[in-house]
Amino acid sequence: MKSISLSVSETDYEAFRLAADRQGQSIAGLIREAMAFYRSEHLCDRRPLERLPVLVGYEPVASLPSRAEIYDEMFEDRTQVHE
């Protein structure tokens, strides 16, 4: 493992200290976990769904919806009555 040194605000330090106590682990362990999560969510190469491999001999059953169509469905006004 590599060692790093960083300065954090008192507020952040206290929040991590309390969380570490509640979870029974060290602050360093929580920071390593947070860094690993950030790396997996923001730094790893992710392929768009349309570039994922399909089983040999099979084709997708339909084209994928656009990002706009997905967002429209996710954030539609749920107070409206659907017929």
PDB file of N, CA and C in Angstrom:
ATOM      1  N   MET A   1       0.839  -1.179   0.000  1.00  0.00           N
ATOM      2  CA  MET A   1       0.000   0.000   0.000  1.00  0.00           C
ATOM      3  C   MET A   1       0.880   1.237   0.000  1.00  0.00           C
ATOM      4  N   LYS A   2       0.378   2.287  -0.631  1.00  0.00           N
ATOM      5  CA  LYS A   2       1.036   3.585  -0.620  1.00  0.00           C
ATOM      6  C   LYS A   2       0.485   4.397   0.535  1.00  0.00           C
ATOM      7  N   SER A   3       1.323   5.246   1.088  1.00  0.00           N
ATOM      8  CA  SER A   3       0.925   6.118   2.177  1.00  0.00           C
ATOM      9  C   SER A   3       0.727   7.530   1.632  1.00  0.00           C
ATOM     10  N   ILE A   4      -0.363   8.208   2.054  1.00  0.00           N
ATOM     11  CA  ILE A   4      -0.589   9.591   1.648  1.00  0.00           C
ATOM     12  C   ILE A   4      -0.871  10.433   2.883  1.00  0.00           C
ATOM     13  N   SER A   5      -0.707  11.720   2.738  1.00  0.00           N
ATOM     14  CA  SER A   5      -1.001  12.650   3.816  1.00  0.00           C
ATOM     15  C   SER A   5      -1.910  13.733   3.259  1.00  0.00           C
ATOM     16  N   LEU A   6      -2.974  14.065   3.980  1.00  0.00           N
ATOM     17  CA  LEU A   6      -3.860  15.109   3.522  1.00  0.00           C
ATOM     18  C   LEU A   6      -4.460  15.846   4.696  1.00  0.00           C
ATOM     19  N   SER A   7      -4.877  17.066   4.420  1.00  0.00           N
ATOM     20  CA  SER A   7      -5.531  17.885   5.443  1.00  0.00           C
ATOM     21  C   SER A   7      -7.024  17.914   5.141  1.00  0.00           C
ATOM     22  N   VAL A   8      -7.825  17.800   6.187  1.00  0.00           N
ATOM     23  CA  VAL A   8      -9.282  17.828   6.036  1.00  0.00           C
ATOM     24  C   VAL A   8      -9.862  18.822   7.035  1.00  0.00           C
ATOM     25  N   SER A   9     -11.072  19.254   6.777  1.00  0.00           N
ATOM     26  CA  SER A   9     -11.730  20.184   7.698  1.00  0.00           C
ATOM     27  C   SER A   9     -12.064  19.462   9.001  1.00  0.00           C
ATOM     28  N   GLU A  10     -12.238  20.237  10.038  1.00  0.00           N
ATOM     29  CA  GLU A  10     -12.632  19.668  11.332  1.00  0.00           C
ATOM     30  C   GLU A  10     -13.975  18.935  11.209  1.00  0.00           C
ATOM     31  N   THR A  11     -14.887  19.510  10.427  1.00  0.00           N
ATOM     32  CA  THR A  11     -16.215  18.911  10.240  1.00  0.00           C
ATOM     33  C   THR A  11     -16.107  17.539   9.585  1.00  0.00           C
ATOM     34  N   ASP A  12     -15.322  17.453   8.501  1.00  0.00           N
ATOM     35  CA  ASP A  12     -15.149  16.163   7.816  1.00  0.00           C
ATOM     36  C   ASP A  12     -14.462  15.154   8.725  1.00  0.00           C
ATOM     37  N   TYR A  13     -13.433  15.598   9.444  1.00  0.00           N
ATOM     38  CA  TYR A  13     -12.721  14.685  10.334  1.00  0.00           C
ATOM     39  C   TYR A  13     -13.659  14.120  11.392  1.00  0.00           C
ATOM     40  N   GLU A  14     -14.451  14.997  11.998  1.00  0.00           N
ATOM     41  CA  GLU A  14     -15.360  14.552  13.058  1.00  0.00           C
ATOM     42  C   GLU A  14     -16.411  13.592  12.508  1.00  0.00           C
ATOM     43  N   ALA A  15     -16.936  13.876  11.310  1.00  0.00           N
ATOM     44  CA  ALA A  15     -17.933  12.984  10.698  1.00  0.00           C
ATOM     45  C   ALA A  15     -17.330  11.605  10.450  1.00  0.00           C
ATOM     46  N   PHE A  16     -16.103  11.554   9.924  1.00  0.00           N
ATOM     47  CA  PHE A  16     -15.460  10.262   9.665  1.00  0.00           C
ATOM     48  C   PHE A  16     -15.084   9.561  10.971  1.00  0.00           C
ATOM     49  N   ARG A  17     -14.677  10.315  11.986  1.00  0.00           N
ATOM     50  CA  ARG A  17     -14.344   9.704  13.271  1.00  0.00           C
ATOM     51  C   ARG A  17     -15.568   9.032  13.876  1.00  0.00           C
ATOM     52  N   LEU A  18     -16.711   9.730  13.838  1.00  0.00           N
ATOM     53  CA  LEU A  18     -17.946   9.156  14.388  1.00  0.00           C
ATOM     54  C   LEU A  18     -18.394   7.930  13.585  1.00  0.00           C
ATOM     55  N   ALA A  19     -18.323   8.022  12.262  1.00  0.00           N
ATOM     56  CA  ALA A  19     -18.709   6.885  11.425  1.00  0.00           C
ATOM     57  C   ALA A  19     -17.795   5.690  11.666  1.00  0.00           C
ATOM     58  N   ALA A  20     -16.510   5.946  11.823  1.00  0.00           N
ATOM     59  CA  ALA A  20     -15.552   4.864  12.074  1.00  0.00           C
ATOM     60  C   ALA A  20     -15.857   4.192  13.411  1.00  0.00           C
ATOM     61  N   ASP A  21     -16.157   4.979  14.420  1.00  0.00           N
ATOM     62  CA  ASP A  21     -16.508   4.415  15.735  1.00  0.00           C
ATOM     63  C   ASP A  21     -17.760   3.545  15.631  1.00  0.00           C
ATOM     64  N   ARG A  22     -18.785   4.057  14.932  1.00  0.00           N
ATOM     65  CA  ARG A  22     -20.041   3.304  14.808  1.00  0.00           C
ATOM     66  C   ARG A  22     -19.831   1.993  14.069  1.00  0.00           C
ATOM     67  N   GLN A  23     -18.949   2.008  13.064  1.00  0.00           N
ATOM     68  CA  GLN A  23     -18.741   0.819  12.239  1.00  0.00           C
ATOM     69  C   GLN A  23     -17.614  -0.071  12.755  1.00  0.00           C
ATOM     70  N   GLY A  24     -16.946   0.358  13.813  1.00  0.00           N
ATOM     71  CA  GLY A  24     -15.880  -0.456  14.393  1.00  0.00           C
ATOM     72  C   GLY A  24     -14.662  -0.594  13.498  1.00  0.00           C
ATOM     73  N   GLN A  25     -14.345   0.458  12.767  1.00  0.00           N
ATOM     74  CA  GLN A  25     -13.142   0.429  11.947  1.00  0.00           C
ATOM     75  C   GLN A  25     -12.396   1.757  12.061  1.00  0.00           C
ATOM     76  N   SER A  26     -11.266   1.829  11.417  1.00  0.00           N
ATOM     77  CA  SER A  26     -10.451   3.044  11.498  1.00  0.00           C
ATOM     78  C   SER A  26     -10.922   4.086  10.489  1.00  0.00           C
ATOM     79  N   ILE A  27     -10.544   5.341  10.758  1.00  0.00           N
ATOM     80  CA  ILE A  27     -10.828   6.412   9.805  1.00  0.00           C
ATOM     81  C   ILE A  27     -10.126   6.109   8.490  1.00  0.00           C
ATOM     82  N   ALA A  28      -8.889   5.623   8.567  1.00  0.00           N
ATOM     83  CA  ALA A  28      -8.141   5.286   7.352  1.00  0.00           C
ATOM     84  C   ALA A  28      -8.891   4.234   6.530  1.00  0.00           C
ATOM     85  N   GLY A  29      -9.494   3.260   7.209  1.00  0.00           N
ATOM     86  CA  GLY A  29     -10.264   2.238   6.513  1.00  0.00           C
ATOM     87  C   GLY A  29     -11.455   2.826   5.784  1.00  0.00           C
ATOM     88  N   LEU A  30     -12.145   3.779   6.429  1.00  0.00           N
ATOM     89  CA  LEU A  30     -13.278   4.439   5.777  1.00  0.00           C
ATOM     90  C   LEU A  30     -12.819   5.243   4.567  1.00  0.00           C
ATOM     91  N   ILE A  31     -11.696   5.929   4.693  1.00  0.00           N
ATOM     92  CA  ILE A  31     -11.188   6.731   3.575  1.00  0.00           C
ATOM     93  C   ILE A  31     -10.761   5.826   2.427  1.00  0.00           C
ATOM     94  N   ARG A  32     -10.110   4.692   2.732  1.00  0.00           N
ATOM     95  CA  ARG A  32      -9.745   3.743   1.667  1.00  0.00           C
ATOM     96  C   ARG A  32     -10.991   3.230   0.955  1.00  0.00           C
ATOM     97  N   GLU A  33     -12.047   2.922   1.730  1.00  0.00           N
ATOM     98  CA  GLU A  33     -13.306   2.453   1.161  1.00  0.00           C
ATOM     99  C   GLU A  33     -13.937   3.534   0.275  1.00  0.00           C
ATOM    100  N   ALA A  34     -13.923   4.785   0.742  1.00  0.00           N
ATOM    101  CA  ALA A  34     -14.482   5.892  -0.038  1.00  0.00           C
ATOM    102  C   ALA A  34     -13.689   6.103  -1.326  1.00  0.00           C
ATOM    103  N   MET A  35     -12.372   5.989  -1.252  1.00  0.00           N
ATOM    104  CA  MET A  35     -11.546   6.156  -2.445  1.00  0.00           C
ATOM    105  C   MET A  35     -11.807   5.036  -3.450  1.00  0.00           C
ATOM    106  N   ALA A  36     -11.953   3.811  -2.972  1.00  0.00           N
ATOM    107  CA  ALA A  36     -12.223   2.678  -3.863  1.00  0.00           C
ATOM    108  C   ALA A  36     -13.579   2.851  -4.547  1.00  0.00           C
ATOM    109  N   PHE A  37     -14.570   3.325  -3.797  1.00  0.00           N
ATOM    110  CA  PHE A  37     -15.893   3.565  -4.373  1.00  0.00           C
ATOM    111  C   PHE A  37     -15.816   4.652  -5.435  1.00  0.00           C
ATOM    112  N   TYR A  38     -15.142   5.750  -5.141  1.00  0.00           N
ATOM    113  CA  TYR A  38     -14.996   6.843  -6.113  1.00  0.00           C
ATOM    114  C   TYR A  38     -14.302   6.343  -7.373  1.00  0.00           C
ATOM    115  N   ARG A  39     -13.245   5.555  -7.191  1.00  0.00           N
ATOM    116  CA  ARG A  39     -12.521   5.016  -8.344  1.00  0.00           C
ATOM    117  C   ARG A  39     -13.443   4.163  -9.205  1.00  0.00           C
ATOM    118  N   SER A  40     -14.230   3.288  -8.580  1.00  0.00           N
ATOM    119  CA  SER A  40     -15.106   2.397  -9.345  1.00  0.00           C
ATOM    120  C   SER A  40     -16.224   3.161 -10.047  1.00  0.00           C
ATOM    121  N   GLU A  41     -16.697   4.252  -9.442  1.00  0.00           N
ATOM    122  CA  GLU A  41     -17.801   5.012 -10.024  1.00  0.00           C
ATOM    123  C   GLU A  41     -17.353   6.062 -11.030  1.00  0.00           C
ATOM    124  N   HIS A  42     -16.158   6.623 -10.872  1.00  0.00           N
ATOM    125  CA  HIS A  42     -15.762   7.772 -11.679  1.00  0.00           C
ATOM    126  C   HIS A  42     -14.497   7.581 -12.506  1.00  0.00           C
ATOM    127  N   LEU A  43     -13.652   6.651 -12.139  1.00  0.00           N
ATOM    128  CA  LEU A  43     -12.359   6.555 -12.813  1.00  0.00           C
ATOM    129  C   LEU A  43     -12.198   5.303 -13.666  1.00  0.00           C
ATOM    130  N   CYS A  44     -13.035   4.314 -13.460  1.00  0.00           N
ATOM    131  CA  CYS A  44     -12.928   3.074 -14.239  1.00  0.00           C
ATOM    132  C   CYS A  44     -13.559   3.268 -15.609  1.00  0.00           C
ATOM    133  N   ASP A  45     -12.968   2.617 -16.598  1.00  0.00           N
ATOM    134  CA  ASP A  45     -13.494   2.682 -17.954  1.00  0.00           C
ATOM    135  C   ASP A  45     -14.781   1.884 -18.028  1.00  0.00           C
ATOM    136  N   ARG A  46     -15.857   2.553 -18.396  1.00  0.00           N
ATOM    137  CA  ARG A  46     -17.152   1.886 -18.544  1.00  0.00           C
ATOM    138  C   ARG A  46     -17.580   1.967 -19.993  1.00  0.00           C
ATOM    139  N   ARG A  47     -18.099   0.872 -20.487  1.00  0.00           N
ATOM    140  CA  ARG A  47     -18.579   0.840 -21.866  1.00  0.00           C
ATOM    141  C   ARG A  47     -20.062   1.165 -21.906  1.00  0.00           C
ATOM    142  N   PRO A  48     -20.491   1.903 -22.925  1.00  0.00           N
ATOM    143  CA  PRO A  48     -21.932   2.132 -23.073  1.00  0.00           C
ATOM    144  C   PRO A  48     -22.652   0.791 -23.266  1.00  0.00           C
ATOM    145  N   LEU A  49     -23.899   0.729 -22.864  1.00  0.00           N
ATOM    146  CA  LEU A  49     -24.662  -0.522 -22.967  1.00  0.00           C
ATOM    147  C   LEU A  49     -24.670  -1.087 -24.379  1.00  0.00           C
ATOM    148  N   GLU A  50     -24.744  -0.198 -25.374  1.00  0.00           N
ATOM    149  CA  GLU A  50     -24.822  -0.724 -26.742  1.00  0.00           C
ATOM    150  C   GLU A  50     -23.534  -1.382 -27.184  1.00  0.00           C
ATOM    151  N   ARG A  51     -22.440  -1.213 -26.442  1.00  0.00           N
ATOM    152  CA  ARG A  51     -21.188  -1.864 -26.807  1.00  0.00           C
ATOM    153  C   ARG A  51     -20.908  -3.119 -25.989  1.00  0.00           C
ATOM    154  N   LEU A  52     -21.826  -3.503 -25.098  1.00  0.00           N
ATOM    155  CA  LEU A  52     -21.651  -4.738 -24.336  1.00  0.00           C
ATOM    156  C   LEU A  52     -21.811  -5.925 -25.271  1.00  0.00           C
ATOM    157  N   PRO A  53     -21.040  -6.975 -25.061  1.00  0.00           N
ATOM    158  CA  PRO A  53     -21.145  -8.123 -25.967  1.00  0.00           C
ATOM    159  C   PRO A  53     -22.479  -8.849 -25.816  1.00  0.00           C
ATOM    160  N   VAL A  54     -22.954  -9.399 -26.913  1.00  0.00           N
ATOM    161  CA  VAL A  54     -24.170 -10.213 -26.938  1.00  0.00           C
ATOM    162  C   VAL A  54     -23.707 -11.645 -27.200  1.00  0.00           C
ATOM    163  N   LEU A  55     -24.408 -12.635 -26.690  1.00  0.00           N
ATOM    164  CA  LEU A  55     -24.034 -14.025 -26.915  1.00  0.00           C
ATOM    165  C   LEU A  55     -23.922 -14.306 -28.410  1.00  0.00           C
ATOM    166  N   VAL A  56     -22.949 -15.092 -28.758  1.00  0.00           N
ATOM    167  CA  VAL A  56     -22.730 -15.443 -30.160  1.00  0.00           C
ATOM    168  C   VAL A  56     -23.986 -16.091 -30.729  1.00  0.00           C
ATOM    169  N   GLY A  57     -24.403 -15.625 -31.897  1.00  0.00           N
ATOM    170  CA  GLY A  57     -25.584 -16.180 -32.542  1.00  0.00           C
ATOM    171  C   GLY A  57     -26.874 -15.495 -32.151  1.00  0.00           C
ATOM    172  N   TYR A  58     -26.825 -14.533 -31.251  1.00  0.00           N
ATOM    173  CA  TYR A  58     -28.014 -13.826 -30.802  1.00  0.00           C
ATOM    174  C   TYR A  58     -27.899 -12.352 -31.138  1.00  0.00           C
ATOM    175  N   GLU A  59     -29.006 -11.725 -31.330  1.00  0.00           N
ATOM    176  CA  GLU A  59     -29.086 -10.293 -31.586  1.00  0.00           C
ATOM    177  C   GLU A  59     -29.958  -9.677 -30.498  1.00  0.00           C
ATOM    178  N   PRO A  60     -29.741  -8.405 -30.168  1.00  0.00           N
ATOM    179  CA  PRO A  60     -30.650  -7.753 -29.212  1.00  0.00           C
ATOM    180  C   PRO A  60     -32.079  -7.785 -29.753  1.00  0.00           C
ATOM    181  N   VAL A  61     -33.054  -7.936 -28.875  1.00  0.00           N
ATOM    182  CA  VAL A  61     -34.450  -8.034 -29.309  1.00  0.00           C
ATOM    183  C   VAL A  61     -35.008  -6.687 -29.752  1.00  0.00           C
ATOM    184  N   ALA A  62     -34.405  -5.594 -29.310  1.00  0.00           N
ATOM    185  CA  ALA A  62     -34.856  -4.252 -29.707  1.00  0.00           C
ATOM    186  C   ALA A  62     -33.710  -3.285 -29.480  1.00  0.00           C
ATOM    187  N   SER A  63     -33.824  -2.122 -30.086  1.00  0.00           N
ATOM    188  CA  SER A  63     -32.787  -1.114 -29.858  1.00  0.00           C
ATOM    189  C   SER A  63     -32.967  -0.517 -28.467  1.00  0.00           C
ATOM    190  N   LEU A  64     -31.887  -0.036 -27.917  1.00  0.00           N
ATOM    191  CA  LEU A  64     -31.938   0.562 -26.591  1.00  0.00           C
ATOM    192  C   LEU A  64     -32.561   1.947 -26.666  1.00  0.00           C
ATOM    193  N   PRO A  65     -33.271   2.363 -25.611  1.00  0.00           N
ATOM    194  CA  PRO A  65     -33.843   3.714 -25.610  1.00  0.00           C
ATOM    195  C   PRO A  65     -32.734   4.752 -25.501  1.00  0.00           C
ATOM    196  N   SER A  66     -33.027   5.948 -25.938  1.00  0.00           N
ATOM    197  CA  SER A  66     -32.052   7.034 -25.829  1.00  0.00           C
ATOM    198  C   SER A  66     -31.962   7.491 -24.377  1.00  0.00           C
ATOM    199  N   ARG A  67     -30.915   8.211 -24.068  1.00  0.00           N
ATOM    200  CA  ARG A  67     -30.749   8.759 -22.713  1.00  0.00           C
ATOM    201  C   ARG A  67     -31.949   9.648 -22.371  1.00  0.00           C
ATOM    202  N   ALA A  68     -32.404  10.471 -23.325  1.00  0.00           N
ATOM    203  CA  ALA A  68     -33.543  11.364 -23.086  1.00  0.00           C
ATOM    204  C   ALA A  68     -34.801  10.563 -22.750  1.00  0.00           C
ATOM    205  N   GLU A  69     -35.024   9.453 -23.463  1.00  0.00           N
ATOM    206  CA  GLU A  69     -36.207   8.624 -23.189  1.00  0.00           C
ATOM    207  C   GLU A  69     -36.133   8.004 -21.798  1.00  0.00           C
ATOM    208  N   ILE A  70     -34.947   7.589 -21.396  1.00  0.00           N
ATOM    209  CA  ILE A  70     -34.779   7.010 -20.058  1.00  0.00           C
ATOM    210  C   ILE A  70     -35.055   8.064 -18.997  1.00  0.00           C
ATOM    211  N   TYR A  71     -34.482   9.265 -19.173  1.00  0.00           N
ATOM    212  CA  TYR A  71     -34.713  10.346 -18.201  1.00  0.00           C
ATOM    213  C   TYR A  71     -36.189  10.742 -18.154  1.00  0.00           C
ATOM    214  N   ASP A  72     -36.836  10.811 -19.311  1.00  0.00           N
ATOM    215  CA  ASP A  72     -38.263  11.135 -19.329  1.00  0.00           C
ATOM    216  C   ASP A  72     -39.055  10.138 -18.502  1.00  0.00           C
ATOM    217  N   GLU A  73     -38.737   8.868 -18.654  1.00  0.00           N
ATOM    218  CA  GLU A  73     -39.450   7.833 -17.898  1.00  0.00           C
ATOM    219  C   GLU A  73     -39.129   7.907 -16.405  1.00  0.00           C
ATOM    220  N   MET A  74     -37.859   8.142 -16.084  1.00  0.00           N
ATOM    221  CA  MET A  74     -37.452   8.187 -14.675  1.00  0.00           C
ATOM    222  C   MET A  74     -38.066   9.373 -13.929  1.00  0.00           C
ATOM    223  N   PHE A  75     -38.154  10.512 -14.613  1.00  0.00           N
ATOM    224  CA  PHE A  75     -38.553  11.734 -13.925  1.00  0.00           C
ATOM    225  C   PHE A  75     -39.929  12.245 -14.325  1.00  0.00           C
ATOM    226  N   GLU A  76     -40.744  11.372 -14.900  1.00  0.00           N
ATOM    227  CA  GLU A  76     -42.081  11.809 -15.291  1.00  0.00           C
ATOM    228  C   GLU A  76     -42.858  12.243 -14.063  1.00  0.00           C
ATOM    229  N   ASP A  77     -43.810  13.092 -14.259  1.00  0.00           N
ATOM    230  CA  ASP A  77     -44.622  13.604 -13.155  1.00  0.00           C
ATOM    231  C   ASP A  77     -45.488  12.470 -12.615  1.00  0.00           C
ATOM    232  N   ARG A  78     -45.172  11.987 -11.446  1.00  0.00           N
ATOM    233  CA  ARG A  78     -45.875  10.836 -10.872  1.00  0.00           C
ATOM    234  C   ARG A  78     -47.225  11.219 -10.269  1.00  0.00           C
ATOM    235  N   THR A  79     -47.543  12.527 -10.250  1.00  0.00           N
ATOM    236  CA  THR A  79     -48.833  12.939  -9.692  1.00  0.00           C
ATOM    237  C   THR A  79     -49.953  12.837 -10.710  1.00  0.00           C
ATOM    238  N   GLN A  80     -49.589  12.677 -11.988  1.00  0.00           N
ATOM    239  CA  GLN A  80     -50.611  12.552 -13.024  1.00  0.00           C
ATOM    240  C   GLN A  80     -51.205  11.150 -12.988  1.00  0.00           C
ATOM    241  N   VAL A  81     -52.484  11.057 -13.316  1.00  0.00           N
ATOM    242  CA  VAL A  81     -53.151   9.757 -13.386  1.00  0.00           C
ATOM    243  C   VAL A  81     -52.898   9.191 -14.766  1.00  0.00           C
ATOM    244  N   HIS A  82     -52.386   7.961 -14.829  1.00  0.00           N
ATOM    245  CA  HIS A  82     -52.123   7.294 -16.105  1.00  0.00           C
ATOM    246  C   HIS A  82     -53.325   6.467 -16.498  1.00  0.00           C
ATOM    247  N   GLU A  83     -53.671   6.557 -17.757  1.00  0.00           N
ATOM    248  CA  GLU A  83     -54.827   5.795 -18.241  1.00  0.00           C
ATOM    249  C   GLU A  83     -54.387   4.476 -18.820  1.00  0.00           C
TER     250      GLU A  83
END
